[in-house]
Amino acid sequence: MKTTTPPNLRRRSLLALTGLALPAFAAARPDALPRITVYKTEFCGCCKAWISHLEQAGFPVEAINVADTSSWRAKLRMPDTYGSCHTAIVDGYAVEGHVPAADIKRLLVERPRAIGLAVPGMPVGSPGMEAGGHKDPYDVLLVTADGRSSVYRAYR
């Protein structure tokens, strides 16, 4: 005598198995952020702190020590006027200075036509430049191919 499983029981079994498999699959393959490659000088402490900020936000980071970051800035077409202590690249965009990870994530979602983002100088209170509770106002700039910029996000 051949037994058959009723269709509704087969469906429930499939759903139960799927329900068990999906969380395991999701845990094994989270939405991966692209790798950020950071060009920095060897002994820069604030660069290391910014890298830690990126890693805590979920970015995989490759740090490469270089003697001079300006050559990398030039290779990535980021004008020196936006220079800071480190230069990075992520998914084809240049990231100059202490740009918050949230703004990098926004850039990767919006995908504007631009060279990338910059936080010129080293403003106190930006990621990697924390100094207790003190924070200077600063802007994250969106830098376009013609070298111009606009405020992408203001921190006040």
C-alpha atoms as a PDB file:
ATOM      1  CA  MET A   1       0.000   0.000   0.000  1.00  0.00           C
ATOM      2  CA  LYS A   2       1.465   3.351  -1.056  1.00  0.00           C
ATOM      3  CA  THR A   3       1.073   6.282   1.341  1.00  0.00           C
ATOM      4  CA  THR A   4       0.939   9.831   0.125  1.00  0.00           C
ATOM      5  CA  THR A   5       1.403  12.981   2.091  1.00  0.00           C
ATOM      6  CA  PRO A   6      -1.499  15.383   1.804  1.00  0.00           C
ATOM      7  CA  PRO A   7      -0.536  18.551  -0.166  1.00  0.00           C
ATOM      8  CA  ASN A   8      -1.141  20.892   2.775  1.00  0.00           C
ATOM      9  CA  LEU A   9       1.215  18.825   4.975  1.00  0.00           C
ATOM     10  CA  ARG A  10       3.918  18.889   2.281  1.00  0.00           C
ATOM     11  CA  ARG A  11       3.552  22.669   2.061  1.00  0.00           C
ATOM     12  CA  ARG A  12       3.824  23.030   5.848  1.00  0.00           C
ATOM     13  CA  SER A  13       6.919  20.808   5.908  1.00  0.00           C
ATOM     14  CA  LEU A  14       8.513  22.868   3.168  1.00  0.00           C
ATOM     15  CA  LEU A  15       7.684  26.104   4.977  1.00  0.00           C
ATOM     16  CA  ALA A  16       9.066  24.731   8.227  1.00  0.00           C
ATOM     17  CA  LEU A  17      12.296  23.693   6.539  1.00  0.00           C
ATOM     18  CA  THR A  18      12.540  27.022   4.750  1.00  0.00           C
ATOM     19  CA  GLY A  19      11.904  28.848   8.010  1.00  0.00           C
ATOM     20  CA  LEU A  20      14.791  26.975   9.578  1.00  0.00           C
ATOM     21  CA  ALA A  21      17.099  27.368   6.605  1.00  0.00           C
ATOM     22  CA  LEU A  22      16.608  31.080   5.941  1.00  0.00           C
ATOM     23  CA  PRO A  23      17.871  32.369   9.313  1.00  0.00           C
ATOM     24  CA  ALA A  24      20.934  30.123   9.014  1.00  0.00           C
ATOM     25  CA  PHE A  25      21.556  31.354   5.458  1.00  0.00           C
ATOM     26  CA  ALA A  26      21.082  34.985   6.516  1.00  0.00           C
ATOM     27  CA  ALA A  27      23.538  34.548   9.380  1.00  0.00           C
ATOM     28  CA  ALA A  28      26.082  32.947   7.071  1.00  0.00           C
ATOM     29  CA  ARG A  29      25.714  35.622   4.358  1.00  0.00           C
ATOM     30  CA  PRO A  30      24.854  39.036   5.766  1.00  0.00           C
ATOM     31  CA  ASP A  31      24.558  42.018   3.432  1.00  0.00           C
ATOM     32  CA  ALA A  32      28.238  42.585   2.923  1.00  0.00           C
ATOM     33  CA  LEU A  33      29.616  46.085   2.648  1.00  0.00           C
ATOM     34  CA  PRO A  34      32.433  46.615   0.145  1.00  0.00           C
ATOM     35  CA  ARG A  35      36.040  46.725   1.290  1.00  0.00           C
ATOM     36  CA  ILE A  36      37.531  50.126   1.994  1.00  0.00           C
ATOM     37  CA  THR A  37      41.230  50.467   1.227  1.00  0.00           C
ATOM     38  CA  VAL A  38      42.855  53.178   3.347  1.00  0.00           C
ATOM     39  CA  TYR A  39      46.181  54.795   2.440  1.00  0.00           C
ATOM     40  CA  LYS A  40      47.751  56.280   5.563  1.00  0.00           C
ATOM     41  CA  THR A  41      51.092  56.993   7.151  1.00  0.00           C
ATOM     42  CA  GLU A  42      52.440  54.333   9.473  1.00  0.00           C
ATOM     43  CA  PHE A  43      52.198  56.109  12.808  1.00  0.00           C
ATOM     44  CA  CYS A  44      48.975  58.103  12.434  1.00  0.00           C
ATOM     45  CA  GLY A  45      46.812  57.376  15.477  1.00  0.00           C
ATOM     46  CA  CYS A  46      43.717  59.190  14.243  1.00  0.00           C
ATOM     47  CA  CYS A  47      43.800  57.127  11.031  1.00  0.00           C
ATOM     48  CA  LYS A  48      43.751  53.958  13.126  1.00  0.00           C
ATOM     49  CA  ALA A  49      40.808  55.350  15.121  1.00  0.00           C
ATOM     50  CA  TRP A  50      38.909  56.161  11.878  1.00  0.00           C
ATOM     51  CA  ILE A  51      39.581  52.630  10.601  1.00  0.00           C
ATOM     52  CA  SER A  52      38.175  51.261  13.859  1.00  0.00           C
ATOM     53  CA  HIS A  53      35.062  53.444  13.343  1.00  0.00           C
ATOM     54  CA  LEU A  54      34.613  51.954   9.848  1.00  0.00           C
ATOM     55  CA  GLU A  55      35.048  48.394  11.100  1.00  0.00           C
ATOM     56  CA  GLN A  56      32.516  48.945  13.894  1.00  0.00           C
ATOM     57  CA  ALA A  57      30.076  50.108  11.182  1.00  0.00           C
ATOM     58  CA  GLY A  58      30.585  46.815   9.341  1.00  0.00           C
ATOM     59  CA  PHE A  59      33.086  47.747   6.654  1.00  0.00           C
ATOM     60  CA  PRO A  60      35.986  45.408   5.945  1.00  0.00           C
ATOM     61  CA  VAL A  61      39.103  47.577   5.843  1.00  0.00           C
ATOM     62  CA  GLU A  62      42.523  47.113   4.301  1.00  0.00           C
ATOM     63  CA  ALA A  63      45.035  49.625   5.656  1.00  0.00           C
ATOM     64  CA  ILE A  64      48.114  50.323   3.574  1.00  0.00           C
ATOM     65  CA  ASN A  65      50.962  52.362   5.045  1.00  0.00           C
ATOM     66  CA  VAL A  66      52.467  54.825   2.583  1.00  0.00           C
ATOM     67  CA  ALA A  67      55.084  57.526   2.882  1.00  0.00           C
ATOM     68  CA  ASP A  68      52.886  60.187   1.286  1.00  0.00           C
ATOM     69  CA  THR A  69      49.094  60.144   0.939  1.00  0.00           C
ATOM     70  CA  SER A  70      49.017  62.993  -1.600  1.00  0.00           C
ATOM     71  CA  SER A  71      50.110  60.678  -4.419  1.00  0.00           C
ATOM     72  CA  TRP A  72      47.121  58.442  -3.705  1.00  0.00           C
ATOM     73  CA  ARG A  73      44.848  61.452  -3.534  1.00  0.00           C
ATOM     74  CA  ALA A  74      46.086  62.409  -7.022  1.00  0.00           C
ATOM     75  CA  LYS A  75      45.561  58.869  -8.372  1.00  0.00           C
ATOM     76  CA  LEU A  76      41.974  58.981  -7.136  1.00  0.00           C
ATOM     77  CA  ARG A  77      41.499  62.478  -8.666  1.00  0.00           C
ATOM     78  CA  MET A  78      40.716  64.056  -5.278  1.00  0.00           C
ATOM     79  CA  PRO A  79      41.967  67.668  -5.334  1.00  0.00           C
ATOM     80  CA  ASP A  80      44.574  68.553  -2.690  1.00  0.00           C
ATOM     81  CA  THR A  81      42.329  71.356  -1.400  1.00  0.00           C
ATOM     82  CA  TYR A  82      40.222  68.635   0.266  1.00  0.00           C
ATOM     83  CA  GLY A  83      43.255  66.893   1.747  1.00  0.00           C
ATOM     84  CA  SER A  84      43.456  65.282   5.147  1.00  0.00           C
ATOM     85  CA  CYS A  85      45.679  62.726   6.836  1.00  0.00           C
ATOM     86  CA  HIS A  86      44.427  59.665   4.933  1.00  0.00           C
ATOM     87  CA  THR A  87      42.867  58.797   1.593  1.00  0.00           C
ATOM     88  CA  ALA A  88      40.650  55.806   0.911  1.00  0.00           C
ATOM     89  CA  ILE A  89      38.798  54.137  -1.907  1.00  0.00           C
ATOM     90  CA  VAL A  90      35.544  52.213  -1.705  1.00  0.00           C
ATOM     91  CA  ASP A  91      33.635  50.813  -4.658  1.00  0.00           C
ATOM     92  CA  GLY A  92      35.164  53.334  -7.067  1.00  0.00           C
ATOM     93  CA  TYR A  93      34.719  56.392  -4.815  1.00  0.00           C
ATOM     94  CA  ALA A  94      37.484  58.327  -3.102  1.00  0.00           C
ATOM     95  CA  VAL A  95      37.016  59.079   0.584  1.00  0.00           C
ATOM     96  CA  GLU A  96      39.255  61.796   1.973  1.00  0.00           C
ATOM     97  CA  GLY A  97      39.651  62.376   5.681  1.00  0.00           C
ATOM     98  CA  HIS A  98      37.419  61.614   8.638  1.00  0.00           C
ATOM     99  CA  VAL A  99      34.153  60.910   6.805  1.00  0.00           C
ATOM    100  CA  PRO A 100      31.542  59.198   9.016  1.00  0.00           C
ATOM    101  CA  ALA A 101      30.668  55.632   8.009  1.00  0.00           C
ATOM    102  CA  ALA A 102      26.964  56.557   7.755  1.00  0.00           C
ATOM    103  CA  ASP A 103      27.766  59.057   5.007  1.00  0.00           C
ATOM    104  CA  ILE A 104      29.827  56.474   3.121  1.00  0.00           C
ATOM    105  CA  LYS A 105      26.911  54.033   3.313  1.00  0.00           C
ATOM    106  CA  ARG A 106      24.570  56.746   2.000  1.00  0.00           C
ATOM    107  CA  LEU A 107      26.999  57.439  -0.876  1.00  0.00           C
ATOM    108  CA  LEU A 108      27.026  53.751  -1.806  1.00  0.00           C
ATOM    109  CA  VAL A 109      23.216  53.646  -1.876  1.00  0.00           C
ATOM    110  CA  GLU A 110      22.692  56.907  -3.774  1.00  0.00           C
ATOM    111  CA  ARG A 111      25.652  56.420  -6.152  1.00  0.00           C
ATOM    112  CA  PRO A 112      25.969  60.050  -7.305  1.00  0.00           C
ATOM    113  CA  ARG A 113      28.238  61.003 -10.200  1.00  0.00           C
ATOM    114  CA  ALA A 114      31.180  62.186  -8.144  1.00  0.00           C
ATOM    115  CA  ILE A 115      34.791  61.567  -7.252  1.00  0.00           C
ATOM    116  CA  GLY A 116      33.728  60.910  -3.677  1.00  0.00           C
ATOM    117  CA  LEU A 117      33.431  62.422  -0.210  1.00  0.00           C
ATOM    118  CA  ALA A 118      35.817  64.591   1.771  1.00  0.00           C
ATOM    119  CA  VAL A 119      36.180  66.063   5.229  1.00  0.00           C
ATOM    120  CA  PRO A 120      39.074  68.483   4.728  1.00  0.00           C
ATOM    121  CA  GLY A 121      41.522  68.972   7.572  1.00  0.00           C
ATOM    122  CA  MET A 122      41.016  67.090  10.787  1.00  0.00           C
ATOM    123  CA  PRO A 123      37.973  68.538  12.595  1.00  0.00           C
ATOM    124  CA  VAL A 124      37.739  67.712  16.280  1.00  0.00           C
ATOM    125  CA  GLY A 125      34.761  65.470  16.946  1.00  0.00           C
ATOM    126  CA  SER A 126      34.752  63.768  13.555  1.00  0.00           C
ATOM    127  CA  PRO A 127      35.232  59.954  13.622  1.00  0.00           C
ATOM    128  CA  GLY A 128      38.779  59.249  14.727  1.00  0.00           C
ATOM    129  CA  MET A 129      39.244  62.795  16.034  1.00  0.00           C
ATOM    130  CA  GLU A 130      37.169  62.498  19.202  1.00  0.00           C
ATOM    131  CA  ALA A 131      38.287  64.702  22.091  1.00  0.00           C
ATOM    132  CA  GLY A 132      35.993  64.100  25.017  1.00  0.00           C
ATOM    133  CA  GLY A 133      32.760  65.961  24.480  1.00  0.00           C
ATOM    134  CA  HIS A 134      34.249  68.721  22.319  1.00  0.00           C
ATOM    135  CA  LYS A 135      33.057  68.830  18.713  1.00  0.00           C
ATOM    136  CA  ASP A 136      33.832  71.402  16.061  1.00  0.00           C
ATOM    137  CA  PRO A 137      31.248  71.914  13.332  1.00  0.00           C
ATOM    138  CA  TYR A 138      32.273  70.417   9.985  1.00  0.00           C
ATOM    139  CA  ASP A 139      30.864  69.470   6.609  1.00  0.00           C
ATOM    140  CA  VAL A 140      31.112  66.288   4.615  1.00  0.00           C
ATOM    141  CA  LEU A 141      31.616  67.421   1.032  1.00  0.00           C
ATOM    142  CA  LEU A 142      30.558  65.674  -2.148  1.00  0.00           C
ATOM    143  CA  VAL A 143      33.364  66.298  -4.644  1.00  0.00           C
ATOM    144  CA  THR A 144      32.502  66.200  -8.338  1.00  0.00           C
ATOM    145  CA  ALA A 145      34.711  65.463 -11.348  1.00  0.00           C
ATOM    146  CA  ASP A 146      35.290  69.178 -12.001  1.00  0.00           C
ATOM    147  CA  GLY A 147      36.811  69.556  -8.517  1.00  0.00           C
ATOM    148  CA  ARG A 148      33.853  71.452  -7.100  1.00  0.00           C
ATOM    149  CA  SER A 149      32.049  70.422  -3.962  1.00  0.00           C
ATOM    150  CA  SER A 150      28.725  70.743  -2.245  1.00  0.00           C
ATOM    151  CA  VAL A 151      27.727  69.977   1.326  1.00  0.00           C
ATOM    152  CA  TYR A 152      26.634  66.368   1.503  1.00  0.00           C
ATOM    153  CA  ARG A 153      25.959  66.529   5.231  1.00  0.00           C
ATOM    154  CA  ALA A 154      26.588  69.204   7.841  1.00  0.00           C
ATOM    155  CA  TYR A 155      27.558  68.337  11.401  1.00  0.00           C
ATOM    156  CA  ARG A 156      26.824  71.130  13.859  1.00  0.00           C
END
